[in-house]
Amino acid sequence: ADVVSRFDEVDIAIVGIGILEPSQLLKTSGNYYHEDMLQVLAARGAVGDICLHYYDKYGQPVLRDDEDPVIGMALEKVK
């Protein structure tokens, strides 16, 4: 089975929860959005992220699936 089909089997997840501005540790890792994308996220009301999936103050994703470059479990599936 591929990874995506196995997401339904997950019942415990350890995730990172962050704010819009990446920490210095995240910046040095290279696993963060650059300034132009951070501006887009801020303009759309992003207040934080879970596994680099950014959400607004209502917990809704600020990027459409086709805009989100993160490969992994979708934010809705994490919920």
N, C-alpha and C. Protein backbone atom coordinates (compact mmCIF):
# COMPACT_ATOMS: atom_id res chain seq x y z
N ALA A 1 0.84 -1.19 0.00
CA ALA A 1 0.00 0.00 0.00
C ALA A 1 0.88 1.24 0.00
N ASP A 2 0.41 2.28 -0.68
CA ASP A 2 1.19 3.52 -0.67
C ASP A 2 0.97 4.27 0.63
N VAL A 3 1.82 5.26 0.87
CA VAL A 3 1.79 6.00 2.14
C VAL A 3 0.46 6.70 2.35
N VAL A 4 -0.08 7.35 1.33
CA VAL A 4 -1.32 8.10 1.49
C VAL A 4 -2.47 7.20 1.93
N SER A 5 -2.55 6.01 1.38
CA SER A 5 -3.64 5.12 1.77
C SER A 5 -3.48 4.63 3.21
N ARG A 6 -2.29 4.71 3.75
CA ARG A 6 -2.06 4.26 5.12
C ARG A 6 -2.37 5.34 6.15
N PHE A 7 -2.60 6.58 5.71
CA PHE A 7 -2.93 7.65 6.64
C PHE A 7 -4.18 7.33 7.46
N ASP A 8 -5.12 6.61 6.89
CA ASP A 8 -6.34 6.25 7.62
C ASP A 8 -6.06 5.34 8.81
N GLU A 9 -4.91 4.70 8.83
CA GLU A 9 -4.55 3.79 9.91
C GLU A 9 -3.90 4.52 11.10
N VAL A 10 -3.54 5.78 10.92
CA VAL A 10 -2.86 6.54 11.97
C VAL A 10 -3.84 6.92 13.06
N ASP A 11 -3.51 6.60 14.32
CA ASP A 11 -4.36 7.02 15.42
C ASP A 11 -3.60 7.86 16.44
N ILE A 12 -2.29 7.98 16.26
CA ILE A 12 -1.48 8.86 17.10
C ILE A 12 -0.46 9.54 16.18
N ALA A 13 -0.31 10.85 16.32
CA ALA A 13 0.67 11.58 15.53
C ALA A 13 1.40 12.57 16.42
N ILE A 14 2.70 12.64 16.27
CA ILE A 14 3.51 13.65 16.95
C ILE A 14 3.83 14.69 15.90
N VAL A 15 3.34 15.92 16.11
CA VAL A 15 3.45 16.96 15.10
C VAL A 15 4.08 18.22 15.67
N GLY A 16 4.57 19.04 14.78
CA GLY A 16 5.07 20.34 15.17
C GLY A 16 4.00 21.38 14.96
N ILE A 17 3.85 22.29 15.90
CA ILE A 17 2.90 23.39 15.78
C ILE A 17 3.70 24.67 15.88
N GLY A 18 3.58 25.52 14.88
CA GLY A 18 4.39 26.72 14.85
C GLY A 18 3.58 27.97 14.59
N ILE A 19 4.28 29.07 14.51
CA ILE A 19 3.69 30.36 14.20
C ILE A 19 4.10 30.75 12.79
N LEU A 20 3.56 31.84 12.29
CA LEU A 20 3.85 32.26 10.92
C LEU A 20 5.34 32.51 10.71
N GLU A 21 5.97 33.21 11.61
CA GLU A 21 7.41 33.51 11.48
C GLU A 21 8.22 32.29 11.90
N PRO A 22 9.02 31.72 10.98
CA PRO A 22 9.78 30.52 11.33
C PRO A 22 10.87 30.81 12.37
N SER A 23 11.11 29.85 13.23
CA SER A 23 12.17 29.97 14.23
C SER A 23 13.52 29.94 13.53
N GLN A 24 14.55 30.35 14.22
CA GLN A 24 15.90 30.32 13.66
C GLN A 24 16.31 28.89 13.33
N LEU A 25 15.93 27.95 14.18
CA LEU A 25 16.24 26.54 13.93
C LEU A 25 15.61 26.06 12.63
N LEU A 26 14.35 26.43 12.41
CA LEU A 26 13.67 26.03 11.18
C LEU A 26 14.33 26.70 9.97
N LYS A 27 14.70 27.97 10.11
CA LYS A 27 15.35 28.67 9.01
C LYS A 27 16.66 27.99 8.62
N THR A 28 17.44 27.60 9.58
CA THR A 28 18.73 26.98 9.26
C THR A 28 18.55 25.57 8.69
N SER A 29 17.42 24.94 8.96
CA SER A 29 17.18 23.61 8.41
C SER A 29 16.81 23.67 6.93
N GLY A 30 16.32 24.83 6.48
CA GLY A 30 15.90 24.98 5.10
C GLY A 30 14.49 24.49 4.84
N ASN A 31 13.81 23.98 5.87
CA ASN A 31 12.45 23.45 5.72
C ASN A 31 11.41 24.49 6.11
N TYR A 32 11.38 25.59 5.39
CA TYR A 32 10.39 26.63 5.66
C TYR A 32 10.12 27.40 4.38
N TYR A 33 9.03 28.14 4.38
CA TYR A 33 8.71 28.98 3.24
C TYR A 33 9.56 30.24 3.28
N HIS A 34 9.96 30.71 2.09
CA HIS A 34 10.76 31.92 2.02
C HIS A 34 9.86 33.15 2.12
N GLU A 35 10.47 34.31 2.20
CA GLU A 35 9.77 35.56 2.52
C GLU A 35 8.58 35.84 1.61
N ASP A 36 8.70 35.60 0.31
CA ASP A 36 7.58 35.89 -0.59
C ASP A 36 6.36 35.03 -0.26
N MET A 37 6.56 33.76 0.06
CA MET A 37 5.44 32.89 0.43
C MET A 37 4.92 33.25 1.82
N LEU A 38 5.78 33.63 2.74
CA LEU A 38 5.32 34.06 4.06
C LEU A 38 4.41 35.28 3.94
N GLN A 39 4.70 36.18 3.00
CA GLN A 39 3.85 37.35 2.78
C GLN A 39 2.47 36.93 2.24
N VAL A 40 2.45 35.95 1.36
CA VAL A 40 1.17 35.43 0.83
C VAL A 40 0.37 34.82 1.99
N LEU A 41 1.02 34.02 2.81
CA LEU A 41 0.36 33.38 3.93
C LEU A 41 -0.21 34.42 4.89
N ALA A 42 0.58 35.44 5.20
CA ALA A 42 0.12 36.51 6.10
C ALA A 42 -1.07 37.24 5.50
N ALA A 43 -1.02 37.52 4.21
CA ALA A 43 -2.12 38.23 3.55
C ALA A 43 -3.41 37.41 3.59
N ARG A 44 -3.29 36.12 3.64
CA ARG A 44 -4.47 35.24 3.70
C ARG A 44 -4.90 34.94 5.14
N GLY A 45 -4.21 35.54 6.10
CA GLY A 45 -4.65 35.42 7.48
C GLY A 45 -4.02 34.27 8.26
N ALA A 46 -2.93 33.70 7.76
CA ALA A 46 -2.28 32.60 8.48
C ALA A 46 -1.82 33.05 9.85
N VAL A 47 -2.07 32.22 10.84
CA VAL A 47 -1.63 32.52 12.21
C VAL A 47 -0.68 31.45 12.75
N GLY A 48 -0.63 30.30 12.11
CA GLY A 48 0.25 29.24 12.58
C GLY A 48 0.26 28.09 11.60
N ASP A 49 1.03 27.06 11.98
CA ASP A 49 1.11 25.89 11.12
C ASP A 49 1.19 24.61 11.94
N ILE A 50 0.75 23.55 11.34
CA ILE A 50 0.93 22.21 11.86
C ILE A 50 1.62 21.44 10.73
N CYS A 51 2.84 21.00 10.98
CA CYS A 51 3.63 20.28 9.96
C CYS A 51 3.75 21.12 8.68
N LEU A 52 3.93 22.41 8.81
CA LEU A 52 4.06 23.37 7.72
C LEU A 52 2.80 23.52 6.86
N HIS A 53 1.67 23.06 7.33
CA HIS A 53 0.37 23.35 6.71
C HIS A 53 -0.19 24.54 7.49
N TYR A 54 -0.24 25.71 6.85
CA TYR A 54 -0.65 26.94 7.54
C TYR A 54 -2.16 27.08 7.60
N TYR A 55 -2.65 27.60 8.72
CA TYR A 55 -4.08 27.75 8.96
C TYR A 55 -4.37 29.15 9.50
N ASP A 56 -5.65 29.56 9.38
CA ASP A 56 -6.06 30.88 9.86
C ASP A 56 -6.59 30.77 11.30
N LYS A 57 -7.12 31.89 11.82
CA LYS A 57 -7.57 31.91 13.23
C LYS A 57 -8.77 31.01 13.48
N TYR A 58 -9.39 30.52 12.41
CA TYR A 58 -10.52 29.60 12.55
C TYR A 58 -10.09 28.14 12.36
N GLY A 59 -8.79 27.93 12.15
CA GLY A 59 -8.28 26.58 11.95
C GLY A 59 -8.41 26.07 10.53
N GLN A 60 -8.75 26.97 9.61
CA GLN A 60 -8.92 26.57 8.21
C GLN A 60 -7.62 26.77 7.43
N PRO A 61 -7.28 25.85 6.53
CA PRO A 61 -6.07 26.01 5.72
C PRO A 61 -6.13 27.29 4.89
N VAL A 62 -5.00 27.94 4.72
CA VAL A 62 -4.95 29.17 3.93
C VAL A 62 -4.47 28.90 2.50
N LEU A 63 -3.97 27.71 2.23
CA LEU A 63 -3.57 27.33 0.88
C LEU A 63 -4.49 26.21 0.39
N ARG A 64 -4.82 26.28 -0.89
CA ARG A 64 -5.57 25.17 -1.51
C ARG A 64 -4.61 23.98 -1.65
N ASP A 65 -5.16 22.80 -1.80
CA ASP A 65 -4.33 21.60 -1.95
C ASP A 65 -3.34 21.74 -3.09
N ASP A 66 -3.76 22.35 -4.20
CA ASP A 66 -2.87 22.48 -5.36
C ASP A 66 -1.81 23.57 -5.16
N GLU A 67 -1.90 24.38 -4.10
CA GLU A 67 -0.91 25.41 -3.80
C GLU A 67 0.07 24.94 -2.73
N ASP A 68 -0.30 23.96 -1.95
CA ASP A 68 0.48 23.53 -0.79
C ASP A 68 1.58 22.57 -1.23
N PRO A 69 2.85 22.98 -1.10
CA PRO A 69 3.95 22.13 -1.56
C PRO A 69 4.36 21.03 -0.58
N VAL A 70 3.73 20.98 0.59
CA VAL A 70 4.12 20.00 1.60
C VAL A 70 3.63 18.61 1.17
N ILE A 71 4.54 17.65 1.20
CA ILE A 71 4.19 16.26 0.91
C ILE A 71 4.00 15.57 2.24
N GLY A 72 2.81 15.10 2.50
CA GLY A 72 2.52 14.45 3.76
C GLY A 72 1.03 14.46 4.03
N MET A 73 0.67 14.15 5.25
CA MET A 73 -0.73 14.09 5.62
C MET A 73 -1.34 15.49 5.57
N ALA A 74 -2.49 15.59 4.93
CA ALA A 74 -3.18 16.87 4.80
C ALA A 74 -3.65 17.34 6.19
N LEU A 75 -3.77 18.65 6.35
CA LEU A 75 -4.18 19.23 7.63
C LEU A 75 -5.53 18.68 8.08
N GLU A 76 -6.47 18.53 7.15
CA GLU A 76 -7.79 18.00 7.50
C GLU A 76 -7.69 16.58 8.03
N LYS A 77 -6.78 15.80 7.48
CA LYS A 77 -6.59 14.41 7.94
C LYS A 77 -5.94 14.40 9.33
N VAL A 78 -5.05 15.36 9.61
CA VAL A 78 -4.42 15.44 10.93
C VAL A 78 -5.47 15.73 11.98
N LYS A 79 -6.46 16.59 11.66
CA LYS A 79 -7.54 16.90 12.59
C LYS A 79 -8.25 15.64 12.99
